[in-house]
């Protein structure tokens, strides 16, 4: 997603995809094509909603089985309490609930209690449902009047309500006697700061001073539980990135762009509509920017007509199955008689590719985001590249949980959010730019802005989520088409 970097001259690069990685095998699913382009088929590229929910539920179960216990033990925390109310959900909500649950239920208090390596982590939902038997849902027995003929009273199951929930929480705590009670409060990470002030006040008042003294911030646990991806999710993330590539390739073609007629916003809305037609969503409005020879941002304008010789840039994300992508590509609109991109523009793209190589090599679990930023920028300068780096985690959120590797306006490191440690099994959007003088444009500076998603495997090795752009997308006109 864009970082609102200042431009010397606006524009977008064009790209013709090069031969990259081996083909990705797409699992068959009802209504799903198993060959060819996803974007060419509007029939459920990821199967039915039911198919998708089945996969998401399995990912949730694996996250609770594999990741949750390890994080709690790493932090030395034996109980984690996550209260939330309907429409005021904790950011952890999507990481711990089923795909068929869209909001908290009145109030839901999720409780995790580590019984040890043998018994594992107990998972309780004080209010709400079991999330597909992931949690044990605790209910209330409510006294109600019996029908007049019978007289007296009877009991029926009801949802926990109001202060009763805090009293049940206190009972749960007293029965288990935890040494530490983690809650989601943080001055640094929004992902770890989901406990609202009202819920915190209600909880601490009910627990009393002795238990309140055992309350500690969850912080790193919350961030890393959201950030952690399961190996089983990777094939769908690859396919999501494939869809993004397919749509971008079609957007940057003569099928969508007619030089002298098509505006940048026309392409933006074509991309949005294409996602909608595929039954998919996005987490931000796509963007199309134009760099033009002798064209300052003011001359190019906010919504310029695309012309021959323009360099184009897109920023585009796809959302499906609770996962997100983030991709930036470059394109070039061929002039009459041209069959390829000028050499100077190719070099501009090459410089950003080199910065990608450096970043991926430096992106290692155990390092902080600020350490990766510093080492990558040092190598960038030594290589003579004029660029900047502003990469971020991605997954359940577009700007995901985990360590930031720079911001466009913080190239000396990001205090707090850049000090978090990178972990195996998370995904990143490698986002950056390199600025290069182009001889064919009288040495005008052109910025090659690229973003591709990568997977850090459970083994700590980094690989592209799908592939990366190493050649401009080419927008061909009738004057230079040869096919």
Protein backbone atom coordinates (compact mmCIF):
# COMPACT_ATOMS: atom_id res chain seq x y z
CA UNK A 1 0.00 0.00 0.00
CA UNK A 2 1.33 3.47 -0.78
CA UNK A 3 3.40 5.45 1.68
CA UNK A 4 2.66 8.81 -0.01
CA UNK A 5 6.21 9.38 -1.13
CA UNK A 6 6.97 12.69 -2.83
CA UNK A 7 7.52 12.45 -6.58
CA UNK A 8 10.05 14.10 -8.81
CA UNK A 9 7.76 13.21 -11.70
CA UNK A 10 4.75 10.96 -11.38
CA UNK A 11 4.20 7.89 -13.48
CA UNK A 12 3.89 4.16 -13.71
CA UNK A 13 6.20 1.57 -15.11
CA UNK A 14 5.00 -1.06 -17.53
CA UNK A 15 5.94 -4.66 -17.26
CA UNK A 16 5.91 -7.74 -19.39
CA UNK A 17 6.19 -10.69 -17.01
CA UNK A 18 9.42 -12.60 -17.29
CA UNK A 19 9.84 -16.31 -16.71
CA UNK A 20 10.08 -16.68 -12.95
CA UNK A 21 9.11 -19.50 -10.69
CA UNK A 22 7.66 -22.87 -11.53
CA UNK A 23 3.89 -23.05 -12.09
CA UNK A 24 1.80 -23.25 -8.95
CA UNK A 25 -0.56 -26.19 -8.66
CA UNK A 26 -4.06 -24.96 -7.83
CA UNK A 27 -6.20 -27.43 -5.88
CA UNK A 28 -9.39 -28.33 -7.69
CA UNK A 29 -12.60 -27.02 -6.18
CA UNK A 30 -16.18 -26.73 -7.46
CA UNK A 31 -16.33 -23.99 -10.07
CA UNK A 32 -12.56 -23.50 -10.00
CA UNK A 33 -10.34 -23.59 -13.04
CA UNK A 34 -7.20 -25.66 -12.62
CA UNK A 35 -5.30 -24.18 -15.54
CA UNK A 36 -4.91 -20.82 -17.18
CA UNK A 37 -5.51 -17.44 -15.63
CA UNK A 38 -7.64 -16.96 -12.55
CA UNK A 39 -8.55 -13.45 -13.63
CA UNK A 40 -9.92 -14.75 -16.92
CA UNK A 41 -12.53 -16.78 -15.02
CA UNK A 42 -15.27 -15.22 -12.91
CA UNK A 43 -16.31 -18.59 -11.47
CA UNK A 44 -15.18 -18.74 -7.85
CA UNK A 45 -11.39 -18.82 -8.11
CA UNK A 46 -11.18 -20.13 -4.53
CA UNK A 47 -14.24 -22.36 -4.57
CA UNK A 48 -17.52 -21.76 -2.76
CA UNK A 49 -17.76 -19.79 0.48
CA UNK A 50 -18.34 -23.10 2.21
CA UNK A 51 -15.11 -24.50 0.73
CA UNK A 52 -13.23 -21.45 1.89
CA UNK A 53 -14.71 -21.54 5.40
CA UNK A 54 -13.71 -25.19 5.78
CA UNK A 55 -10.08 -24.29 5.08
CA UNK A 56 -10.17 -21.25 7.37
CA UNK A 57 -11.61 -23.32 10.21
CA UNK A 58 -8.79 -25.83 9.85
CA UNK A 59 -6.22 -23.01 9.92
CA UNK A 60 -7.80 -21.73 13.15
CA UNK A 61 -7.55 -25.17 14.74
CA UNK A 62 -3.89 -25.49 13.76
CA UNK A 63 -3.13 -22.00 15.10
CA UNK A 64 -4.65 -22.93 18.45
CA UNK A 65 -2.86 -26.30 18.54
CA UNK A 66 0.59 -25.30 17.31
CA UNK A 67 1.15 -21.60 17.80
CA UNK A 68 -0.81 -20.53 20.87
CA UNK A 69 0.88 -22.84 23.44
CA UNK A 70 4.36 -21.99 22.18
CA UNK A 71 3.73 -18.25 22.44
CA UNK A 72 2.32 -18.47 25.96
CA UNK A 73 5.26 -20.57 27.15
CA UNK A 74 7.76 -18.29 25.48
CA UNK A 75 6.25 -15.36 27.39
CA UNK A 76 6.02 -17.28 30.68
CA UNK A 77 2.27 -16.63 30.84
CA UNK A 78 -0.13 -19.31 32.06
CA UNK A 79 -3.41 -17.41 31.55
CA UNK A 80 -4.50 -15.02 28.81
CA UNK A 81 -7.84 -13.21 29.10
CA UNK A 82 -9.32 -11.50 26.03
CA UNK A 83 -12.66 -9.73 26.73
CA UNK A 84 -14.56 -7.89 23.99
CA UNK A 85 -18.03 -6.66 23.15
CA UNK A 86 -20.07 -6.72 19.97
CA UNK A 87 -18.72 -4.13 17.49
CA UNK A 88 -15.81 -3.35 19.80
CA UNK A 89 -13.83 -6.46 18.97
CA UNK A 90 -10.21 -6.94 19.98
CA UNK A 91 -7.81 -7.01 16.97
CA UNK A 92 -7.10 -10.60 18.04
CA UNK A 93 -10.69 -11.49 17.14
CA UNK A 94 -10.03 -12.68 13.57
CA UNK A 95 -7.11 -14.81 14.73
CA UNK A 96 -9.10 -16.77 17.32
CA UNK A 97 -12.61 -17.08 15.84
CA UNK A 98 -14.28 -19.09 13.11
CA UNK A 99 -14.91 -17.68 9.61
CA UNK A 100 -18.65 -17.90 10.32
CA UNK A 101 -18.39 -15.56 13.31
CA UNK A 102 -18.62 -11.93 12.28
CA UNK A 103 -18.64 -10.17 15.65
CA UNK A 104 -18.37 -10.78 19.37
CA UNK A 105 -21.56 -12.01 21.02
CA UNK A 106 -22.88 -9.29 23.38
CA UNK A 107 -19.75 -9.72 25.48
CA UNK A 108 -17.38 -12.61 24.97
CA UNK A 109 -14.46 -13.28 27.31
CA UNK A 110 -11.99 -15.70 25.77
CA UNK A 111 -9.76 -17.37 28.33
CA UNK A 112 -6.63 -19.41 27.58
CA UNK A 113 -5.08 -21.39 30.44
CA UNK A 114 -1.91 -23.41 29.99
CA UNK A 115 -2.13 -26.67 31.92
CA UNK A 116 1.30 -27.73 30.78
CA UNK A 117 2.84 -29.64 27.86
CA UNK A 118 0.81 -32.81 28.51
CA UNK A 119 -2.68 -31.39 29.13
CA UNK A 120 -2.17 -28.42 26.78
CA UNK A 121 -3.98 -25.08 26.70
CA UNK A 122 -7.55 -24.97 27.93
CA UNK A 123 -9.74 -22.63 25.88
CA UNK A 124 -12.93 -21.15 27.35
CA UNK A 125 -15.52 -18.77 25.91
CA UNK A 126 -17.44 -16.99 28.64
CA UNK A 127 -20.25 -15.87 26.37
CA UNK A 128 -20.44 -16.51 22.66
CA UNK A 129 -20.05 -19.87 21.00
CA UNK A 130 -17.44 -22.62 20.85
CA UNK A 131 -16.12 -21.47 17.44
CA UNK A 132 -16.50 -24.92 15.96
CA UNK A 133 -15.51 -26.73 19.18
CA UNK A 134 -12.27 -24.80 19.51
CA UNK A 135 -13.47 -23.34 22.85
CA UNK A 136 -15.61 -24.71 25.64
CA UNK A 137 -18.59 -22.33 25.71
CA UNK A 138 -19.71 -21.50 29.27
CA UNK A 139 -23.42 -20.87 29.76
CA UNK A 140 -25.60 -19.65 32.63
CA UNK A 141 -28.46 -21.50 34.28
CA UNK A 142 -31.17 -18.88 34.59
CA UNK A 143 -34.15 -19.28 36.95
CA UNK A 144 -37.48 -18.62 35.24
CA UNK A 145 -41.09 -18.94 36.34
CA UNK A 146 -42.75 -22.23 35.48
CA UNK A 147 -46.12 -22.26 33.67
CA UNK A 148 -49.04 -21.40 36.01
CA UNK A 149 -50.36 -24.96 36.06
CA UNK A 150 -47.13 -26.34 37.46
CA UNK A 151 -46.23 -23.48 39.75
CA UNK A 152 -42.76 -22.83 41.16
CA UNK A 153 -39.68 -22.07 39.11
CA UNK A 154 -37.41 -23.91 36.72
CA UNK A 155 -34.05 -23.31 35.09
CA UNK A 156 -32.98 -22.93 31.48
CA UNK A 157 -29.68 -22.34 29.75
CA UNK A 158 -29.01 -18.69 28.97
CA UNK A 159 -26.09 -16.60 27.83
CA UNK A 160 -23.88 -14.99 30.40
CA UNK A 161 -24.81 -11.38 30.77
CA UNK A 162 -23.46 -8.19 32.33
CA UNK A 163 -21.53 -8.37 35.59
CA UNK A 164 -22.31 -12.08 35.80
CA UNK A 165 -19.58 -12.61 33.20
CA UNK A 166 -16.95 -10.90 35.33
CA UNK A 167 -18.01 -13.00 38.33
CA UNK A 168 -17.68 -16.17 36.25
CA UNK A 169 -14.25 -15.00 35.09
CA UNK A 170 -13.17 -14.50 38.69
CA UNK A 171 -14.40 -18.00 39.51
CA UNK A 172 -12.46 -19.43 36.56
CA UNK A 173 -9.32 -17.66 37.75
CA UNK A 174 -9.70 -18.74 41.37
CA UNK A 175 -10.18 -22.36 40.34
CA UNK A 176 -6.99 -22.31 38.21
CA UNK A 177 -4.74 -20.04 40.30
CA UNK A 178 -2.65 -18.56 37.46
CA UNK A 179 0.70 -16.92 38.20
CA UNK A 180 0.26 -14.33 35.43
CA UNK A 181 -2.85 -13.04 33.70
CA UNK A 182 -2.06 -11.49 30.33
CA UNK A 183 -4.39 -8.89 28.77
CA UNK A 184 -4.16 -6.98 25.51
CA UNK A 185 -2.85 -3.55 26.41
CA UNK A 186 0.00 -1.81 24.60
CA UNK A 187 1.30 1.69 23.96
CA UNK A 188 3.19 0.43 20.90
CA UNK A 189 1.08 -2.06 18.91
CA UNK A 190 -2.56 -1.55 17.99
CA UNK A 191 -2.80 -5.32 17.51
CA UNK A 192 -1.98 -5.82 21.20
CA UNK A 193 -4.14 -2.99 22.56
CA UNK A 194 -7.63 -4.40 22.15
CA UNK A 195 -8.80 -4.21 25.77
CA UNK A 196 -11.11 -1.20 25.93
CA UNK A 197 -11.06 1.02 28.99
CA UNK A 198 -14.59 0.03 30.01
CA UNK A 199 -13.81 -3.67 29.82
CA UNK A 200 -10.57 -3.22 31.73
CA UNK A 201 -12.32 -1.28 34.49
CA UNK A 202 -15.10 -3.86 34.79
CA UNK A 203 -12.68 -6.76 34.86
CA UNK A 204 -10.27 -5.32 37.42
CA UNK A 205 -13.10 -4.22 39.70
CA UNK A 206 -14.57 -7.72 39.68
CA UNK A 207 -11.24 -9.51 40.17
CA UNK A 208 -10.13 -7.47 43.16
CA UNK A 209 -6.69 -6.16 44.08
CA UNK A 210 -4.95 -9.51 44.59
CA UNK A 211 -5.74 -10.86 41.12
CA UNK A 212 -5.38 -7.45 39.48
CA UNK A 213 -1.78 -7.41 40.72
CA UNK A 214 -1.06 -10.45 38.52
CA UNK A 215 -2.25 -8.75 35.32
CA UNK A 216 0.50 -8.16 32.70
CA UNK A 217 0.46 -6.92 29.07
CA UNK A 218 0.21 -9.69 26.46
CA UNK A 219 1.86 -7.49 23.78
CA UNK A 220 4.29 -9.81 21.92
CA UNK A 221 1.94 -12.79 22.27
CA UNK A 222 -0.92 -10.92 20.63
CA UNK A 223 1.25 -9.56 17.84
CA UNK A 224 2.83 -12.90 17.02
CA UNK A 225 -0.38 -14.93 17.24
CA UNK A 226 -1.88 -12.66 14.58
CA UNK A 227 1.34 -12.69 12.55
CA UNK A 228 1.88 -16.46 12.62
CA UNK A 229 0.77 -18.28 9.49
CA UNK A 230 0.43 -22.03 9.10
CA UNK A 231 2.20 -23.90 6.27
CA UNK A 232 -1.23 -25.07 5.13
CA UNK A 233 -2.18 -21.45 4.33
CA UNK A 234 0.71 -20.88 1.96
CA UNK A 235 -0.79 -22.47 -1.15
CA UNK A 236 -3.82 -20.17 -0.93
CA UNK A 237 -1.60 -17.14 -0.35
CA UNK A 238 0.32 -18.07 -3.48
CA UNK A 239 -2.94 -18.31 -5.41
CA UNK A 240 -4.10 -14.95 -4.04
CA UNK A 241 -0.91 -13.40 -5.34
CA UNK A 242 -1.45 -15.14 -8.67
CA UNK A 243 -4.88 -13.51 -8.91
CA UNK A 244 -3.34 -10.11 -8.16
CA UNK A 245 -0.78 -10.64 -10.93
CA UNK A 246 -3.44 -11.74 -13.43
CA UNK A 247 -5.59 -8.69 -12.78
CA UNK A 248 -2.64 -6.30 -12.96
CA UNK A 249 -1.45 -7.83 -16.23
CA UNK A 250 -4.88 -7.38 -17.76
CA UNK A 251 -5.23 -3.85 -16.38
CA UNK A 252 -1.89 -2.88 -17.92
CA UNK A 253 -2.84 -3.94 -21.43
CA UNK A 254 -4.57 -2.64 -24.51
CA UNK A 255 -7.74 -4.40 -23.36
CA UNK A 256 -8.18 -1.80 -20.64
CA UNK A 257 -6.00 1.18 -21.65
CA UNK A 258 -6.46 3.24 -24.81
CA UNK A 259 -3.74 5.94 -24.83
CA UNK A 260 -5.20 9.41 -25.16
CA UNK A 261 -8.61 8.23 -23.92
CA UNK A 262 -8.25 6.22 -20.71
CA UNK A 263 -7.81 8.08 -17.43
CA UNK A 264 -5.85 6.69 -14.49
CA UNK A 265 -9.05 6.43 -12.44
CA UNK A 266 -10.67 4.38 -15.21
CA UNK A 267 -8.03 1.72 -14.62
CA UNK A 268 -8.48 1.95 -10.85
CA UNK A 269 -12.19 1.27 -11.07
CA UNK A 270 -11.71 -1.45 -13.65
CA UNK A 271 -9.50 -3.25 -11.11
CA UNK A 272 -12.03 -2.79 -8.32
CA UNK A 273 -14.82 -4.07 -10.53
CA UNK A 274 -12.76 -7.05 -11.65
CA UNK A 275 -12.29 -8.09 -8.04
CA UNK A 276 -15.99 -7.72 -7.39
CA UNK A 277 -16.87 -9.79 -10.46
CA UNK A 278 -14.60 -12.55 -9.14
CA UNK A 279 -16.37 -12.47 -5.79
CA UNK A 280 -13.27 -11.06 -4.10
CA UNK A 281 -12.52 -7.94 -2.08
CA UNK A 282 -9.67 -5.62 -1.22
CA UNK A 283 -8.47 -3.82 1.88
CA UNK A 284 -7.68 -0.48 0.22
CA UNK A 285 -8.60 1.50 -2.87
CA UNK A 286 -6.21 0.62 -5.72
CA UNK A 287 -4.13 3.42 -7.19
CA UNK A 288 -2.63 4.23 -10.57
CA UNK A 289 0.10 6.86 -10.87
CA UNK A 290 1.81 8.27 -13.94
CA UNK A 291 5.40 9.37 -14.54
CA UNK A 292 5.90 11.24 -17.78
CA UNK A 293 8.90 12.78 -19.49
CA UNK A 294 9.06 16.44 -18.42
CA UNK A 295 5.90 15.88 -16.42
CA UNK A 296 5.92 17.24 -12.88
CA UNK A 297 3.14 16.04 -10.56
CA UNK A 298 1.30 19.32 -11.10
CA UNK A 299 1.46 18.98 -14.89
CA UNK A 300 0.49 15.32 -14.88
CA UNK A 301 -2.45 15.97 -12.55
CA UNK A 302 -4.36 13.78 -10.12
CA UNK A 303 -6.31 11.84 -12.74
CA UNK A 304 -4.40 12.22 -15.99
CA UNK A 305 -5.25 10.79 -19.37
CA UNK A 306 -2.72 8.03 -20.03
CA UNK A 307 -0.47 8.81 -23.00
CA UNK A 308 2.01 6.89 -25.11
CA UNK A 309 5.44 6.93 -23.48
CA UNK A 310 4.03 7.08 -19.95
CA UNK A 311 5.43 5.03 -17.12
CA UNK A 312 2.62 3.62 -14.97
CA UNK A 313 2.56 2.31 -11.41
CA UNK A 314 -0.19 0.46 -9.56
CA UNK A 315 -0.77 -0.41 -5.93
CA UNK A 316 -3.26 -3.25 -5.57
CA UNK A 317 -4.44 -5.71 -2.92
CA UNK A 318 -6.66 -8.79 -2.96
CA UNK A 319 -8.66 -10.09 0.03
CA UNK A 320 -10.09 -13.61 0.31
CA UNK A 321 -10.41 -16.28 3.02
CA UNK A 322 -9.36 -13.74 5.63
CA UNK A 323 -5.99 -13.22 3.89
CA UNK A 324 -4.62 -10.19 2.08
CA UNK A 325 -2.04 -9.37 -0.59
CA UNK A 326 -0.22 -6.14 -1.45
CA UNK A 327 1.39 -5.68 -4.87
CA UNK A 328 3.00 -2.76 -6.72
CA UNK A 329 4.02 -3.14 -10.34
CA UNK A 330 5.39 -0.93 -13.10
CA UNK A 331 4.21 -0.60 -16.71
CA UNK A 332 5.15 1.26 -19.86
CA UNK A 333 2.90 2.53 -22.65
CA UNK A 334 4.71 1.90 -25.92
CA UNK A 335 5.13 4.78 -28.34
CA UNK A 336 4.39 4.30 -32.02
CA UNK A 337 7.09 2.12 -33.52
CA UNK A 338 8.41 0.91 -30.15
CA UNK A 339 8.46 -2.78 -29.33
CA UNK A 340 10.24 -2.59 -25.99
CA UNK A 341 10.97 -0.36 -23.01
CA UNK A 342 13.83 2.16 -23.31
CA UNK A 343 17.06 0.87 -21.78
CA UNK A 344 17.16 3.60 -19.14
CA UNK A 345 13.76 2.55 -17.77
CA UNK A 346 14.87 -1.07 -17.71
CA UNK A 347 17.79 -0.03 -15.55
CA UNK A 348 15.42 1.76 -13.18
CA UNK A 349 13.49 -1.46 -12.67
CA UNK A 350 16.73 -3.39 -12.29
CA UNK A 351 17.80 -1.10 -9.43
CA UNK A 352 14.61 -1.79 -7.51
CA UNK A 353 15.06 -5.52 -8.21
CA UNK A 354 18.54 -5.32 -6.69
CA UNK A 355 17.12 -3.62 -3.62
CA UNK A 356 14.56 -6.44 -3.40
CA UNK A 357 17.40 -8.98 -3.46
CA UNK A 358 19.19 -7.16 -0.67
CA UNK A 359 16.07 -6.93 1.49
CA UNK A 360 15.12 -10.58 1.07
CA UNK A 361 18.66 -11.63 1.97
CA UNK A 362 18.57 -9.50 5.12
CA UNK A 363 15.06 -10.56 6.14
CA UNK A 364 15.84 -13.19 8.77
CA UNK A 365 13.95 -14.47 11.82
CA UNK A 366 15.52 -13.36 15.08
CA UNK A 367 16.34 -9.90 13.77
CA UNK A 368 14.30 -6.81 14.50
CA UNK A 369 12.73 -4.78 11.74
CA UNK A 370 15.09 -1.91 12.48
CA UNK A 371 18.11 -4.22 12.15
CA UNK A 372 16.91 -5.44 8.75
CA UNK A 373 16.31 -1.84 7.68
CA UNK A 374 19.77 -0.66 8.74
CA UNK A 375 21.65 -3.53 7.12
CA UNK A 376 19.61 -3.34 3.92
CA UNK A 377 20.06 0.42 3.52
CA UNK A 378 23.80 0.13 4.19
CA UNK A 379 24.12 -2.45 1.43
CA UNK A 380 21.89 -0.37 -0.84
CA UNK A 381 24.15 2.66 -0.49
CA UNK A 382 27.27 0.54 -1.02
CA UNK A 383 25.72 -0.72 -4.26
CA UNK A 384 25.12 2.84 -5.47
CA UNK A 385 21.32 2.58 -5.36
CA UNK A 386 19.28 5.69 -4.52
CA UNK A 387 16.26 4.22 -2.79
CA UNK A 388 14.18 3.73 0.32
CA UNK A 389 12.63 0.76 2.09
CA UNK A 390 9.27 0.56 3.84
CA UNK A 391 8.19 -3.06 4.13
CA UNK A 392 5.53 -4.49 6.41
CA UNK A 393 4.03 -7.78 7.59
CA UNK A 394 0.90 -9.03 5.85
CA UNK A 395 -1.62 -11.80 6.40
CA UNK A 396 -4.86 -11.49 8.37
CA UNK A 397 -4.46 -7.73 7.88
CA UNK A 398 -2.97 -5.78 4.97
CA UNK A 399 -0.65 -3.78 7.18
CA UNK A 400 -0.13 -6.80 9.36
CA UNK A 401 1.08 -7.56 12.85
CA UNK A 402 4.82 -7.72 13.40
CA UNK A 403 7.97 -5.71 12.92
CA UNK A 404 7.96 -2.78 10.52
CA UNK A 405 10.99 -2.49 8.25
CA UNK A 406 11.04 1.27 7.85
CA UNK A 407 8.35 3.75 6.88
CA UNK A 408 8.68 5.99 3.85
CA UNK A 409 9.33 8.94 6.16
CA UNK A 410 11.29 6.95 8.80
CA UNK A 411 14.42 5.63 7.12
CA UNK A 412 16.47 5.78 10.33
CA UNK A 413 14.30 3.16 12.02
CA UNK A 414 10.82 3.04 13.54
CA UNK A 415 10.93 3.26 17.35
CA UNK A 416 8.86 0.55 19.01
CA UNK A 417 7.16 -1.02 16.03
CA UNK A 418 10.50 -1.57 14.30
CA UNK A 419 12.06 -3.10 17.41
CA UNK A 420 9.86 -6.20 17.35
CA UNK A 421 11.51 -9.48 16.38
CA UNK A 422 10.77 -11.21 13.08
CA UNK A 423 9.59 -14.80 13.54
CA UNK A 424 9.48 -17.88 11.29
CA UNK A 425 6.14 -18.61 9.67
CA UNK A 426 5.08 -15.05 8.90
CA UNK A 427 4.58 -13.16 5.64
CA UNK A 428 5.92 -9.79 4.49
CA UNK A 429 5.21 -7.29 1.74
CA UNK A 430 8.63 -6.24 0.50
CA UNK A 431 7.84 -2.64 -0.41
CA UNK A 432 10.47 -0.21 -1.68
CA UNK A 433 11.57 2.20 -4.38
CA UNK A 434 14.72 3.03 -6.31
CA UNK A 435 15.21 6.34 -8.11
CA UNK A 436 17.33 6.32 -11.28
CA UNK A 437 18.18 8.95 -13.93
CA UNK A 438 16.95 7.87 -17.38
CA UNK A 439 19.15 9.00 -20.32
CA UNK A 440 16.28 8.74 -22.81
CA UNK A 441 14.39 11.23 -20.66
CA UNK A 442 17.32 13.68 -20.48
CA UNK A 443 18.40 12.09 -17.18
CA UNK A 444 15.06 12.82 -15.56
CA UNK A 445 14.72 10.86 -12.31
CA UNK A 446 12.31 7.93 -12.51
CA UNK A 447 11.16 6.06 -9.45
CA UNK A 448 10.66 2.32 -9.75
CA UNK A 449 8.22 1.43 -6.96
CA UNK A 450 7.77 -2.27 -6.34
CA UNK A 451 6.01 -4.43 -3.80
CA UNK A 452 5.82 -8.22 -3.71
CA UNK A 453 4.75 -10.57 -0.95
CA UNK A 454 7.14 -13.10 0.53
CA UNK A 455 6.72 -16.12 2.78
CA UNK A 456 9.09 -16.75 5.67
CA UNK A 457 8.76 -20.50 6.07
CA UNK A 458 8.74 -22.39 9.34
CA UNK A 459 12.39 -23.15 8.53
CA UNK A 460 13.17 -19.42 8.41
CA UNK A 461 13.84 -19.42 4.66
CA UNK A 462 12.33 -16.63 2.57
CA UNK A 463 10.67 -17.15 -0.80
CA UNK A 464 8.37 -15.11 -3.03
CA UNK A 465 4.67 -15.59 -2.37
CA UNK A 466 4.21 -16.11 -6.12
CA UNK A 467 6.97 -14.43 -8.12
CA UNK A 468 8.34 -10.94 -8.64
CA UNK A 469 8.32 -8.49 -11.51
CA UNK A 470 11.59 -8.19 -13.43
CA UNK A 471 10.24 -6.68 -16.66
CA UNK A 472 7.74 -3.94 -17.39
CA UNK A 473 4.16 -4.73 -18.25
CA UNK A 474 3.75 -3.44 -21.82
CA UNK A 475 0.69 -1.52 -22.90
CA UNK A 476 0.59 -2.04 -26.65
CA UNK A 477 -1.30 0.13 -29.13
CA UNK A 478 -2.45 -0.68 -32.65
CA UNK A 479 0.71 0.99 -33.99
CA UNK A 480 3.07 -1.44 -32.25
CA UNK A 481 1.11 -4.66 -31.93
CA UNK A 482 2.74 -7.53 -33.77
CA UNK A 483 0.46 -10.37 -32.66
